[in-house]
Amino acid sequence: MTSAALQARRGLMLVISSPSGAGKTSLSRRLVADHADLSLSVSATTRPPRPGEEDGREYHFVSRERFDEMARQDAFLESAEVHEHSYGSPRAPIMQALAVGRDVLFDIDWQGAKAIAAAAPGDVARVFILPPSMADLRRRLYARAQDHHDVIERRLGRAKGEIAMWGDYDYVIVNEDFDLAYAELAHIYHAERLKRARNPGLTTFVAGLLAEDI
């Protein structure tokens, strides 16, 4: 695509969801690392940081009072209660990115995905990541050793309810082999970027082609 057509391109919101432990975070981080025009939406959350997490990188860690104030100011594109904590995607930086042709990736649950799709349906592509089995999901959650036993069991208890929402998504990937799942995710992203509706600059480009002498 020509540089002029690219400059007129509207950004894409790529929404990725899965039950905890199915791999959406690892897949998301690699996709962002491999694509300069794609950035991760950093959500605000009331949950405490996990070991190794940094404020402003994985999440903006805020108090319940601050989160509620932002919600009252309509500062979130979407917000949801997940595992006893609140999460929200700041609206202003996301819409600014789309307007200048940058893509934004969301690593969020099905509630947030549904809210974003309702707020801006033309800008969204949704991908759901499934585990190959429930036994494998349990193994992965315990292997990553990020949460206490009771937290892991609560996540597992909610996993089937989350998986049941798969039908709301545009694409579904079974993450049995990470490299294969990543390749499938990258193909989806590339195809969504090329959709005609997201590239209004092509109208002028095609008009120019048709006006040329052969």
N, C-alpha and C. Protein backbone atom coordinates (compact mmCIF):
# COMPACT_ATOMS: atom_id res chain seq x y z
N MET A 1 0.85 -1.19 0.00
CA MET A 1 0.00 0.00 0.00
C MET A 1 0.89 1.24 0.00
N THR A 2 0.48 2.28 -0.70
CA THR A 2 1.29 3.49 -0.79
C THR A 2 1.31 4.24 0.52
N SER A 3 2.31 5.12 0.68
CA SER A 3 2.41 5.89 1.92
C SER A 3 1.21 6.81 2.11
N ALA A 4 0.69 7.38 1.01
CA ALA A 4 -0.47 8.27 1.12
C ALA A 4 -1.69 7.51 1.61
N ALA A 5 -1.89 6.29 1.09
CA ALA A 5 -3.03 5.49 1.53
C ALA A 5 -2.88 5.10 2.99
N LEU A 6 -1.65 4.77 3.39
CA LEU A 6 -1.42 4.39 4.78
C LEU A 6 -1.68 5.55 5.73
N GLN A 7 -1.34 6.76 5.32
CA GLN A 7 -1.52 7.91 6.19
C GLN A 7 -3.00 8.16 6.48
N ALA A 8 -3.87 7.75 5.57
CA ALA A 8 -5.30 7.96 5.77
C ALA A 8 -5.97 6.80 6.49
N ARG A 9 -5.20 5.79 6.85
CA ARG A 9 -5.75 4.59 7.47
C ARG A 9 -6.25 4.88 8.89
N ARG A 10 -7.40 4.30 9.26
CA ARG A 10 -7.90 4.39 10.63
C ARG A 10 -7.40 3.19 11.41
N GLY A 11 -7.06 3.43 12.65
CA GLY A 11 -6.55 2.37 13.49
C GLY A 11 -7.60 1.32 13.83
N LEU A 12 -7.12 0.23 14.39
CA LEU A 12 -7.92 -0.94 14.72
C LEU A 12 -7.82 -1.23 16.21
N MET A 13 -8.93 -1.62 16.83
CA MET A 13 -8.89 -2.14 18.19
C MET A 13 -8.97 -3.66 18.12
N LEU A 14 -7.88 -4.34 18.45
CA LEU A 14 -7.82 -5.80 18.45
C LEU A 14 -8.03 -6.28 19.89
N VAL A 15 -9.15 -6.95 20.12
CA VAL A 15 -9.54 -7.38 21.45
C VAL A 15 -9.27 -8.88 21.59
N ILE A 16 -8.49 -9.25 22.60
CA ILE A 16 -8.15 -10.65 22.83
C ILE A 16 -8.62 -11.05 24.22
N SER A 17 -9.39 -12.13 24.30
CA SER A 17 -9.91 -12.61 25.59
C SER A 17 -9.66 -14.10 25.72
N SER A 18 -9.67 -14.57 26.96
CA SER A 18 -9.56 -16.00 27.24
C SER A 18 -9.80 -16.20 28.73
N PRO A 19 -10.07 -17.42 29.16
CA PRO A 19 -10.03 -17.68 30.60
C PRO A 19 -8.60 -17.54 31.09
N SER A 20 -8.42 -17.24 32.36
CA SER A 20 -7.08 -17.10 32.92
C SER A 20 -6.26 -18.37 32.67
N GLY A 21 -5.06 -18.18 32.14
CA GLY A 21 -4.16 -19.30 31.92
C GLY A 21 -4.18 -19.86 30.52
N ALA A 22 -5.06 -19.37 29.65
CA ALA A 22 -5.15 -19.92 28.29
C ALA A 22 -4.13 -19.31 27.35
N GLY A 23 -3.47 -18.22 27.75
CA GLY A 23 -2.36 -17.71 26.96
C GLY A 23 -2.54 -16.37 26.30
N LYS A 24 -3.64 -15.66 26.60
CA LYS A 24 -3.87 -14.41 25.88
C LYS A 24 -2.80 -13.37 26.16
N THR A 25 -2.28 -13.33 27.38
CA THR A 25 -1.29 -12.31 27.71
C THR A 25 0.02 -12.56 26.99
N SER A 26 0.49 -13.81 26.96
CA SER A 26 1.74 -14.12 26.26
C SER A 26 1.61 -13.86 24.77
N LEU A 27 0.48 -14.24 24.18
CA LEU A 27 0.26 -14.00 22.76
C LEU A 27 0.18 -12.50 22.46
N SER A 28 -0.51 -11.77 23.32
CA SER A 28 -0.64 -10.33 23.13
C SER A 28 0.70 -9.62 23.18
N ARG A 29 1.51 -9.97 24.17
CA ARG A 29 2.81 -9.30 24.34
C ARG A 29 3.70 -9.56 23.14
N ARG A 30 3.68 -10.77 22.62
CA ARG A 30 4.53 -11.06 21.46
C ARG A 30 4.05 -10.31 20.23
N LEU A 31 2.73 -10.24 20.03
CA LEU A 31 2.21 -9.52 18.86
C LEU A 31 2.60 -8.05 18.91
N VAL A 32 2.49 -7.44 20.07
CA VAL A 32 2.88 -6.04 20.23
C VAL A 32 4.37 -5.86 19.97
N ALA A 33 5.19 -6.78 20.49
CA ALA A 33 6.64 -6.68 20.30
C ALA A 33 7.04 -6.78 18.84
N ASP A 34 6.26 -7.52 18.06
CA ASP A 34 6.61 -7.76 16.66
C ASP A 34 6.03 -6.73 15.69
N HIS A 35 5.18 -5.82 16.17
CA HIS A 35 4.50 -4.89 15.27
C HIS A 35 4.59 -3.46 15.81
N ALA A 36 5.33 -2.62 15.10
CA ALA A 36 5.60 -1.26 15.57
C ALA A 36 4.35 -0.40 15.63
N ASP A 37 3.35 -0.69 14.79
CA ASP A 37 2.15 0.14 14.77
C ASP A 37 1.08 -0.31 15.77
N LEU A 38 1.40 -1.31 16.57
CA LEU A 38 0.45 -1.87 17.53
C LEU A 38 0.93 -1.62 18.95
N SER A 39 0.07 -1.04 19.78
CA SER A 39 0.44 -0.81 21.17
C SER A 39 -0.62 -1.42 22.08
N LEU A 40 -0.21 -1.77 23.27
CA LEU A 40 -1.11 -2.39 24.23
C LEU A 40 -1.85 -1.33 25.02
N SER A 41 -3.16 -1.46 25.10
CA SER A 41 -3.94 -0.58 25.95
C SER A 41 -3.65 -0.96 27.41
N VAL A 42 -3.19 0.00 28.16
CA VAL A 42 -2.86 -0.25 29.57
C VAL A 42 -4.07 0.15 30.40
N SER A 43 -4.72 -0.84 30.98
CA SER A 43 -5.93 -0.60 31.76
C SER A 43 -5.61 -0.10 33.16
N ALA A 44 -6.55 0.60 33.73
CA ALA A 44 -6.50 0.92 35.16
C ALA A 44 -7.15 -0.22 35.92
N THR A 45 -6.64 -0.55 37.09
CA THR A 45 -7.22 -1.62 37.89
C THR A 45 -7.05 -1.33 39.37
N THR A 46 -7.99 -1.88 40.12
CA THR A 46 -7.92 -1.75 41.58
C THR A 46 -7.20 -2.93 42.22
N ARG A 47 -6.83 -3.95 41.43
CA ARG A 47 -6.16 -5.10 42.04
C ARG A 47 -4.70 -4.76 42.33
N PRO A 48 -4.10 -5.40 43.32
CA PRO A 48 -2.68 -5.14 43.61
C PRO A 48 -1.78 -5.75 42.56
N PRO A 49 -0.57 -5.22 42.39
CA PRO A 49 0.36 -5.79 41.40
C PRO A 49 0.79 -7.20 41.78
N ARG A 50 0.99 -8.03 40.75
CA ARG A 50 1.59 -9.35 40.95
C ARG A 50 3.10 -9.20 40.93
N PRO A 51 3.83 -10.20 41.41
CA PRO A 51 5.29 -10.13 41.37
C PRO A 51 5.81 -9.84 39.96
N GLY A 52 6.68 -8.85 39.83
CA GLY A 52 7.27 -8.51 38.55
C GLY A 52 6.50 -7.47 37.76
N GLU A 53 5.27 -7.15 38.15
CA GLU A 53 4.49 -6.14 37.43
C GLU A 53 4.89 -4.74 37.86
N GLU A 54 4.79 -3.80 36.92
CA GLU A 54 5.13 -2.41 37.20
C GLU A 54 3.96 -1.50 36.85
N ASP A 55 3.76 -0.48 37.68
CA ASP A 55 2.70 0.49 37.41
C ASP A 55 2.97 1.20 36.10
N GLY A 56 1.94 1.27 35.24
CA GLY A 56 2.08 1.91 33.96
C GLY A 56 2.55 1.00 32.85
N ARG A 57 3.01 -0.18 33.18
CA ARG A 57 3.44 -1.15 32.15
C ARG A 57 2.35 -2.21 31.96
N GLU A 58 2.14 -3.06 32.94
CA GLU A 58 1.04 -4.03 32.83
C GLU A 58 -0.32 -3.36 33.06
N TYR A 59 -0.39 -2.53 34.10
CA TYR A 59 -1.63 -1.82 34.45
C TYR A 59 -1.27 -0.49 35.09
N HIS A 60 -2.27 0.40 35.14
CA HIS A 60 -2.21 1.55 36.03
C HIS A 60 -2.90 1.10 37.33
N PHE A 61 -2.14 0.89 38.38
CA PHE A 61 -2.70 0.42 39.63
C PHE A 61 -3.21 1.61 40.43
N VAL A 62 -4.53 1.64 40.64
CA VAL A 62 -5.15 2.80 41.29
C VAL A 62 -6.01 2.33 42.46
N SER A 63 -6.31 3.27 43.33
CA SER A 63 -7.19 2.97 44.46
C SER A 63 -8.63 2.84 43.99
N ARG A 64 -9.45 2.25 44.83
CA ARG A 64 -10.88 2.16 44.52
C ARG A 64 -11.48 3.55 44.36
N GLU A 65 -11.08 4.49 45.19
CA GLU A 65 -11.61 5.85 45.12
C GLU A 65 -11.25 6.52 43.80
N ARG A 66 -10.01 6.37 43.36
CA ARG A 66 -9.58 6.98 42.09
C ARG A 66 -10.30 6.33 40.92
N PHE A 67 -10.47 5.03 40.95
CA PHE A 67 -11.16 4.33 39.87
C PHE A 67 -12.60 4.82 39.75
N ASP A 68 -13.26 4.92 40.89
CA ASP A 68 -14.66 5.36 40.87
C ASP A 68 -14.79 6.79 40.36
N GLU A 69 -13.81 7.63 40.68
CA GLU A 69 -13.83 9.01 40.19
C GLU A 69 -13.68 9.04 38.67
N MET A 70 -12.79 8.22 38.12
CA MET A 70 -12.61 8.15 36.66
C MET A 70 -13.88 7.65 35.98
N ALA A 71 -14.54 6.68 36.60
CA ALA A 71 -15.78 6.15 36.04
C ALA A 71 -16.86 7.23 36.00
N ARG A 72 -16.94 8.03 37.05
CA ARG A 72 -17.94 9.11 37.08
C ARG A 72 -17.67 10.15 36.01
N GLN A 73 -16.41 10.33 35.65
CA GLN A 73 -16.02 11.30 34.63
C GLN A 73 -16.12 10.72 33.20
N ASP A 74 -16.61 9.48 33.08
CA ASP A 74 -16.75 8.81 31.79
C ASP A 74 -15.39 8.70 31.09
N ALA A 75 -14.37 8.42 31.88
CA ALA A 75 -13.01 8.36 31.35
C ALA A 75 -12.65 6.99 30.76
N PHE A 76 -13.54 6.01 30.89
CA PHE A 76 -13.26 4.66 30.40
C PHE A 76 -14.07 4.34 29.15
N LEU A 77 -13.41 3.71 28.19
CA LEU A 77 -14.12 3.17 27.04
C LEU A 77 -14.96 1.97 27.48
N GLU A 78 -14.45 1.21 28.41
CA GLU A 78 -15.16 0.09 29.02
C GLU A 78 -14.61 -0.11 30.42
N SER A 79 -15.42 -0.69 31.28
CA SER A 79 -14.95 -1.06 32.61
C SER A 79 -15.75 -2.26 33.08
N ALA A 80 -15.15 -3.05 33.98
CA ALA A 80 -15.81 -4.28 34.42
C ALA A 80 -15.25 -4.71 35.77
N GLU A 81 -16.04 -5.51 36.46
CA GLU A 81 -15.62 -6.16 37.69
C GLU A 81 -15.21 -7.58 37.35
N VAL A 82 -13.96 -7.93 37.67
CA VAL A 82 -13.43 -9.26 37.36
C VAL A 82 -12.65 -9.77 38.57
N HIS A 83 -13.05 -10.94 39.09
CA HIS A 83 -12.34 -11.53 40.22
C HIS A 83 -12.20 -10.54 41.38
N GLU A 84 -13.30 -9.88 41.73
CA GLU A 84 -13.38 -8.97 42.87
C GLU A 84 -12.60 -7.66 42.69
N HIS A 85 -12.16 -7.37 41.49
CA HIS A 85 -11.44 -6.12 41.24
C HIS A 85 -12.02 -5.42 40.01
N SER A 86 -11.81 -4.11 39.91
CA SER A 86 -12.31 -3.33 38.78
C SER A 86 -11.20 -3.08 37.77
N TYR A 87 -11.58 -3.09 36.50
CA TYR A 87 -10.67 -2.83 35.40
C TYR A 87 -11.35 -1.84 34.44
N GLY A 88 -10.57 -0.95 33.84
CA GLY A 88 -11.15 -0.01 32.89
C GLY A 88 -10.11 0.44 31.87
N SER A 89 -10.55 0.64 30.61
CA SER A 89 -9.66 1.09 29.54
C SER A 89 -9.83 2.59 29.33
N PRO A 90 -8.80 3.39 29.59
CA PRO A 90 -8.91 4.84 29.41
C PRO A 90 -9.29 5.22 27.98
N ARG A 91 -10.32 6.03 27.85
CA ARG A 91 -10.90 6.35 26.55
C ARG A 91 -10.02 7.26 25.69
N ALA A 92 -9.54 8.36 26.23
CA ALA A 92 -8.89 9.40 25.43
C ALA A 92 -7.68 8.90 24.63
N PRO A 93 -6.70 8.23 25.25
CA PRO A 93 -5.53 7.80 24.46
C PRO A 93 -5.87 6.78 23.39
N ILE A 94 -6.90 5.97 23.62
CA ILE A 94 -7.29 4.97 22.64
C ILE A 94 -7.85 5.65 21.39
N MET A 95 -8.78 6.56 21.56
CA MET A 95 -9.41 7.21 20.42
C MET A 95 -8.41 8.09 19.67
N GLN A 96 -7.48 8.68 20.39
CA GLN A 96 -6.44 9.48 19.73
C GLN A 96 -5.56 8.60 18.85
N ALA A 97 -5.23 7.41 19.33
CA ALA A 97 -4.40 6.48 18.56
C ALA A 97 -5.11 6.06 17.28
N LEU A 98 -6.38 5.70 17.37
CA LEU A 98 -7.13 5.28 16.19
C LEU A 98 -7.19 6.38 15.14
N ALA A 99 -7.35 7.59 15.58
CA ALA A 99 -7.50 8.72 14.66
C ALA A 99 -6.24 8.95 13.82
N VAL A 100 -5.08 8.59 14.35
CA VAL A 100 -3.84 8.80 13.60
C VAL A 100 -3.32 7.49 12.98
N GLY A 101 -4.18 6.47 12.93
CA GLY A 101 -3.83 5.24 12.24
C GLY A 101 -3.05 4.22 13.03
N ARG A 102 -2.98 4.38 14.35
CA ARG A 102 -2.30 3.39 15.17
C ARG A 102 -3.30 2.36 15.70
N ASP A 103 -2.84 1.14 15.88
CA ASP A 103 -3.69 0.06 16.35
C ASP A 103 -3.48 -0.15 17.85
N VAL A 104 -4.54 -0.57 18.52
CA VAL A 104 -4.50 -0.76 19.97
C VAL A 104 -4.99 -2.16 20.29
N LEU A 105 -4.22 -2.89 21.09
CA LEU A 105 -4.57 -4.25 21.49
C LEU A 105 -5.11 -4.24 22.91
N PHE A 106 -6.19 -4.98 23.13
CA PHE A 106 -6.81 -5.10 24.45
C PHE A 106 -6.71 -6.54 24.92
N ASP A 107 -6.10 -6.73 26.07
CA ASP A 107 -6.02 -8.03 26.73
C ASP A 107 -7.05 -7.98 27.86
N ILE A 108 -8.31 -8.32 27.54
CA ILE A 108 -9.40 -8.11 28.49
C ILE A 108 -10.36 -9.28 28.51
N ASP A 109 -11.26 -9.28 29.48
CA ASP A 109 -12.23 -10.35 29.62
C ASP A 109 -13.43 -10.10 28.70
N TRP A 110 -14.37 -11.06 28.69
CA TRP A 110 -15.50 -10.99 27.75
C TRP A 110 -16.42 -9.80 28.04
N GLN A 111 -16.51 -9.38 29.30
CA GLN A 111 -17.35 -8.23 29.61
C GLN A 111 -16.81 -6.97 28.95
N GLY A 112 -15.50 -6.76 29.08
CA GLY A 112 -14.88 -5.60 28.45
C GLY A 112 -14.96 -5.66 26.94
N ALA A 113 -14.77 -6.86 26.38
CA ALA A 113 -14.86 -7.02 24.93
C ALA A 113 -16.24 -6.66 24.42
N LYS A 114 -17.26 -7.08 25.15
CA LYS A 114 -18.63 -6.78 24.74
C LYS A 114 -18.91 -5.28 24.79
N ALA A 115 -18.39 -4.61 25.83
CA ALA A 115 -18.61 -3.17 25.96
C ALA A 115 -17.90 -2.40 24.85
N ILE A 116 -16.69 -2.79 24.51
CA ILE A 116 -15.95 -2.10 23.46
C ILE A 116 -16.63 -2.29 22.11
N ALA A 117 -17.07 -3.52 21.85
CA ALA A 117 -17.74 -3.78 20.58
C ALA A 117 -19.03 -2.98 20.45
N ALA A 118 -19.72 -2.79 21.56
CA ALA A 118 -20.95 -2.00 21.54
C ALA A 118 -20.66 -0.51 21.33
N ALA A 119 -19.53 -0.03 21.91
CA ALA A 119 -19.19 1.39 21.83
C ALA A 119 -18.64 1.79 20.47
N ALA A 120 -17.89 0.89 19.83
CA ALA A 120 -17.25 1.24 18.55
C ALA A 120 -17.17 0.01 17.66
N PRO A 121 -18.30 -0.51 17.20
CA PRO A 121 -18.30 -1.78 16.46
C PRO A 121 -17.46 -1.79 15.20
N GLY A 122 -17.38 -0.65 14.50
CA GLY A 122 -16.62 -0.62 13.27
C GLY A 122 -15.12 -0.64 13.45
N ASP A 123 -14.65 -0.39 14.68
CA ASP A 123 -13.22 -0.32 14.94
C ASP A 123 -12.65 -1.58 15.59
N VAL A 124 -13.50 -2.58 15.84
CA VAL A 124 -13.11 -3.70 16.69
C VAL A 124 -13.04 -5.02 15.92
N ALA A 125 -12.00 -5.82 16.24
CA ALA A 125 -11.94 -7.23 15.86
C ALA A 125 -11.68 -8.02 17.14
N ARG A 126 -12.50 -9.06 17.39
CA ARG A 126 -12.41 -9.81 18.64
C ARG A 126 -11.89 -11.22 18.41
N VAL A 127 -10.93 -11.63 19.26
CA VAL A 127 -10.33 -12.96 19.17
C VAL A 127 -10.43 -13.63 20.54
N PHE A 128 -10.92 -14.87 20.56
CA PHE A 128 -11.00 -15.62 21.81
C PHE A 128 -9.99 -16.76 21.77
N ILE A 129 -9.24 -16.91 22.87
CA ILE A 129 -8.23 -17.95 22.98
C ILE A 129 -8.75 -19.06 23.89
N LEU A 130 -8.80 -20.28 23.37
CA LEU A 130 -9.24 -21.44 24.14
C LEU A 130 -8.07 -22.31 24.55
N PRO A 131 -8.13 -22.94 25.73
CA PRO A 131 -7.13 -23.95 26.09
C PRO A 131 -7.46 -25.26 25.39
N PRO A 132 -6.48 -26.16 25.21
CA PRO A 132 -6.79 -27.45 24.58
C PRO A 132 -7.64 -28.36 25.46
N SER A 133 -7.60 -28.14 26.78
CA SER A 133 -8.41 -28.93 27.71
C SER A 133 -8.46 -28.19 29.04
N MET A 134 -9.43 -28.55 29.87
CA MET A 134 -9.53 -27.95 31.19
C MET A 134 -8.37 -28.41 32.08
N ALA A 135 -7.92 -29.64 31.89
CA ALA A 135 -6.79 -30.14 32.66
C ALA A 135 -5.53 -29.34 32.35
N ASP A 136 -5.35 -29.01 31.08
CA ASP A 136 -4.19 -28.21 30.69
C ASP A 136 -4.29 -26.80 31.27
N LEU A 137 -5.50 -26.25 31.31
CA LEU A 137 -5.69 -24.92 31.90
C LEU A 137 -5.30 -24.93 33.38
N ARG A 138 -5.72 -25.95 34.10
CA ARG A 138 -5.34 -26.08 35.51
C ARG A 138 -3.82 -26.15 35.66
N ARG A 139 -3.19 -26.97 34.84
CA ARG A 139 -1.74 -27.13 34.92
C ARG A 139 -1.02 -25.80 34.68
N ARG A 140 -1.49 -25.04 33.69
CA ARG A 140 -0.83 -23.77 33.37
C ARG A 140 -0.98 -22.76 34.51
N LEU A 141 -2.15 -22.70 35.11
CA LEU A 141 -2.37 -21.74 36.20
C LEU A 141 -1.47 -22.04 37.39
N TYR A 142 -1.33 -23.31 37.72
CA TYR A 142 -0.47 -23.67 38.85
C TYR A 142 1.01 -23.53 38.49
N ALA A 143 1.35 -23.79 37.23
CA ALA A 143 2.76 -23.72 36.82
C ALA A 143 3.29 -22.30 36.83
N ARG A 144 2.43 -21.31 36.54
CA ARG A 144 2.95 -19.94 36.50
C ARG A 144 3.15 -19.35 37.89
N ALA A 145 2.57 -19.97 38.92
CA ALA A 145 2.83 -19.64 40.32
C ALA A 145 2.70 -18.16 40.63
N GLN A 146 1.65 -17.53 40.10
CA GLN A 146 1.44 -16.10 40.34
C GLN A 146 0.37 -15.82 41.39
N ASP A 147 -0.44 -16.82 41.70
CA ASP A 147 -1.56 -16.60 42.62
C ASP A 147 -1.61 -17.70 43.67
N HIS A 148 -2.28 -17.39 44.77
CA HIS A 148 -2.49 -18.39 45.82
C HIS A 148 -3.46 -19.46 45.33
N HIS A 149 -3.44 -20.59 46.04
CA HIS A 149 -4.28 -21.73 45.67
C HIS A 149 -5.75 -21.35 45.58
N ASP A 150 -6.26 -20.61 46.55
CA ASP A 150 -7.68 -20.29 46.53
C ASP A 150 -8.04 -19.37 45.37
N VAL A 151 -7.13 -18.47 44.98
CA VAL A 151 -7.37 -17.59 43.83
C VAL A 151 -7.42 -18.42 42.54
N ILE A 152 -6.48 -19.36 42.41
CA ILE A 152 -6.45 -20.21 41.22
C ILE A 152 -7.73 -21.02 41.11
N GLU A 153 -8.18 -21.56 42.22
CA GLU A 153 -9.40 -22.38 42.18
C GLU A 153 -10.62 -21.53 41.82
N ARG A 154 -10.65 -20.27 42.25
CA ARG A 154 -11.75 -19.39 41.86
C ARG A 154 -11.71 -19.11 40.36
N ARG A 155 -10.51 -18.92 39.84
CA ARG A 155 -10.37 -18.67 38.41
C ARG A 155 -10.83 -19.89 37.60
N LEU A 156 -10.45 -21.07 38.07
CA LEU A 156 -10.86 -22.29 37.38
C LEU A 156 -12.38 -22.46 37.46
N GLY A 157 -12.96 -22.08 38.60
CA GLY A 157 -14.39 -22.20 38.77
C GLY A 157 -15.17 -21.32 37.81
N ARG A 158 -14.55 -20.21 37.38
CA ARG A 158 -15.21 -19.28 36.47
C ARG A 158 -14.86 -19.52 35.02
N ALA A 159 -13.89 -20.41 34.78
CA ALA A 159 -13.37 -20.58 33.42
C ALA A 159 -14.45 -21.04 32.44
N LYS A 160 -15.29 -21.99 32.84
CA LYS A 160 -16.30 -22.50 31.90
C LYS A 160 -17.31 -21.42 31.55
N GLY A 161 -17.65 -20.57 32.51
CA GLY A 161 -18.55 -19.47 32.21
C GLY A 161 -17.94 -18.50 31.21
N GLU A 162 -16.63 -18.28 31.32
CA GLU A 162 -15.94 -17.40 30.38
C GLU A 162 -15.85 -18.05 29.00
N ILE A 163 -15.53 -19.34 28.98
CA ILE A 163 -15.43 -20.06 27.71
C ILE A 163 -16.77 -20.07 26.98
N ALA A 164 -17.85 -20.10 27.73
CA ALA A 164 -19.18 -20.13 27.13
C ALA A 164 -19.48 -18.89 26.29
N MET A 165 -18.69 -17.82 26.46
CA MET A 165 -18.89 -16.58 25.71
C MET A 165 -18.16 -16.57 24.36
N TRP A 166 -17.55 -17.68 23.99
CA TRP A 166 -16.74 -17.72 22.78
C TRP A 166 -17.54 -17.33 21.52
N GLY A 167 -18.82 -17.59 21.52
CA GLY A 167 -19.64 -17.31 20.34
C GLY A 167 -19.80 -15.84 20.03
N ASP A 168 -19.43 -14.96 20.95
CA ASP A 168 -19.53 -13.52 20.70
C ASP A 168 -18.35 -12.98 19.90
N TYR A 169 -17.36 -13.82 19.63
CA TYR A 169 -16.10 -13.35 19.05
C TYR A 169 -16.04 -13.62 17.54
N ASP A 170 -15.23 -12.81 16.85
CA ASP A 170 -15.08 -12.94 15.40
C ASP A 170 -14.17 -14.11 15.03
N TYR A 171 -13.19 -14.39 15.88
CA TYR A 171 -12.22 -15.45 15.62
C TYR A 171 -11.98 -16.23 16.91
N VAL A 172 -11.66 -17.52 16.75
CA VAL A 172 -11.35 -18.37 17.91
C VAL A 172 -10.09 -19.17 17.60
N ILE A 173 -9.15 -19.17 18.54
CA ILE A 173 -7.89 -19.90 18.40
C ILE A 173 -7.75 -20.86 19.57
N VAL A 174 -7.43 -22.12 19.29
CA VAL A 174 -7.12 -23.09 20.34
C VAL A 174 -5.62 -23.07 20.57
N ASN A 175 -5.19 -22.66 21.75
CA ASN A 175 -3.77 -22.49 22.03
C ASN A 175 -3.18 -23.78 22.62
N GLU A 176 -2.98 -24.75 21.73
CA GLU A 176 -2.30 -25.98 22.14
C GLU A 176 -0.80 -25.87 21.90
N ASP A 177 -0.45 -25.28 20.77
CA ASP A 177 0.95 -25.01 20.43
C ASP A 177 1.11 -23.50 20.31
N PHE A 178 1.97 -22.92 21.14
CA PHE A 178 2.06 -21.46 21.21
C PHE A 178 2.46 -20.85 19.87
N ASP A 179 3.45 -21.39 19.20
CA ASP A 179 3.92 -20.80 17.95
C ASP A 179 2.84 -20.84 16.88
N LEU A 180 2.09 -21.93 16.81
CA LEU A 180 1.01 -22.02 15.84
C LEU A 180 -0.10 -21.03 16.19
N ALA A 181 -0.45 -20.95 17.47
CA ALA A 181 -1.49 -20.00 17.89
C ALA A 181 -1.06 -18.57 17.58
N TYR A 182 0.22 -18.28 17.80
CA TYR A 182 0.71 -16.93 17.51
C TYR A 182 0.63 -16.63 16.01
N ALA A 183 1.01 -17.59 15.18
CA ALA A 183 0.95 -17.39 13.73
C ALA A 183 -0.48 -17.11 13.29
N GLU A 184 -1.44 -17.83 13.87
CA GLU A 184 -2.83 -17.61 13.52
C GLU A 184 -3.29 -16.22 13.96
N LEU A 185 -2.87 -15.81 15.15
CA LEU A 185 -3.24 -14.48 15.63
C LEU A 185 -2.64 -13.39 14.74
N ALA A 186 -1.39 -13.55 14.35
CA ALA A 186 -0.75 -12.56 13.48
C ALA A 186 -1.45 -12.46 12.13
N HIS A 187 -1.88 -13.59 11.57
CA HIS A 187 -2.61 -13.58 10.30
C HIS A 187 -3.93 -12.81 10.44
N ILE A 188 -4.61 -13.03 11.55
CA ILE A 188 -5.87 -12.31 11.80
C ILE A 188 -5.61 -10.80 11.84
N TYR A 189 -4.60 -10.41 12.58
CA TYR A 189 -4.28 -8.98 12.72
C TYR A 189 -3.96 -8.36 11.35
N HIS A 190 -3.13 -9.04 10.56
CA HIS A 190 -2.75 -8.50 9.26
C HIS A 190 -3.96 -8.36 8.34
N ALA A 191 -4.84 -9.36 8.36
CA ALA A 191 -6.03 -9.29 7.51
C ALA A 191 -6.97 -8.16 7.93
N GLU A 192 -7.12 -7.98 9.24
CA GLU A 192 -8.00 -6.91 9.72
C GLU A 192 -7.46 -5.53 9.35
N ARG A 193 -6.15 -5.38 9.34
CA ARG A 193 -5.55 -4.09 8.94
C ARG A 193 -5.85 -3.74 7.49
N LEU A 194 -6.03 -4.76 6.66
CA LEU A 194 -6.23 -4.54 5.23
C LEU A 194 -7.68 -4.38 4.83
N LYS A 195 -8.60 -4.47 5.77
CA LYS A 195 -10.01 -4.30 5.41
C LYS A 195 -10.25 -2.95 4.75
N ARG A 196 -11.07 -2.97 3.71
CA ARG A 196 -11.32 -1.76 2.93
C ARG A 196 -11.84 -0.62 3.81
N ALA A 197 -12.75 -0.93 4.73
CA ALA A 197 -13.35 0.11 5.56
C ALA A 197 -12.34 0.82 6.45
N ARG A 198 -11.22 0.17 6.74
CA ARG A 198 -10.20 0.80 7.59
C ARG A 198 -9.14 1.55 6.78
N ASN A 199 -9.29 1.57 5.49
CA ASN A 199 -8.30 2.22 4.64
C ASN A 199 -8.97 3.19 3.67
N PRO A 200 -9.56 4.25 4.18
CA PRO A 200 -10.27 5.20 3.30
C PRO A 200 -9.36 5.88 2.30
N GLY A 201 -8.06 5.91 2.56
CA GLY A 201 -7.13 6.51 1.61
C GLY A 201 -7.08 5.78 0.28
N LEU A 202 -7.55 4.53 0.27
CA LEU A 202 -7.55 3.77 -0.97
C LEU A 202 -8.52 4.35 -2.01
N THR A 203 -9.54 5.06 -1.54
CA THR A 203 -10.50 5.64 -2.48
C THR A 203 -9.81 6.60 -3.43
N THR A 204 -8.97 7.48 -2.90
CA THR A 204 -8.22 8.42 -3.72
C THR A 204 -7.20 7.71 -4.58
N PHE A 205 -6.55 6.70 -3.99
CA PHE A 205 -5.53 5.95 -4.71
C PHE A 205 -6.14 5.24 -5.93
N VAL A 206 -7.29 4.58 -5.74
CA VAL A 206 -7.93 3.88 -6.84
C VAL A 206 -8.44 4.86 -7.90
N ALA A 207 -8.95 6.00 -7.46
CA ALA A 207 -9.40 7.02 -8.41
C ALA A 207 -8.24 7.47 -9.30
N GLY A 208 -7.07 7.59 -8.70
CA GLY A 208 -5.90 7.96 -9.47
C GLY A 208 -5.52 6.89 -10.48
N LEU A 209 -5.62 5.61 -10.07
CA LEU A 209 -5.32 4.53 -11.00
C LEU A 209 -6.27 4.57 -12.21
N LEU A 210 -7.54 4.77 -11.93
CA LEU A 210 -8.54 4.76 -13.01
C LEU A 210 -8.38 5.96 -13.95
N ALA A 211 -7.78 7.03 -13.46
CA ALA A 211 -7.60 8.23 -14.27
C ALA A 211 -6.34 8.16 -15.12
N GLU A 212 -5.47 7.19 -14.84
CA GLU A 212 -4.22 7.10 -15.60
C GLU A 212 -4.46 6.59 -17.01
N ASP A 213 -3.63 7.08 -17.93
CA ASP A 213 -3.63 6.54 -19.29
C ASP A 213 -2.90 5.21 -19.31
N ILE A 214 -3.40 4.27 -20.11
CA ILE A 214 -2.76 2.96 -20.22
C ILE A 214 -1.86 2.96 -21.46
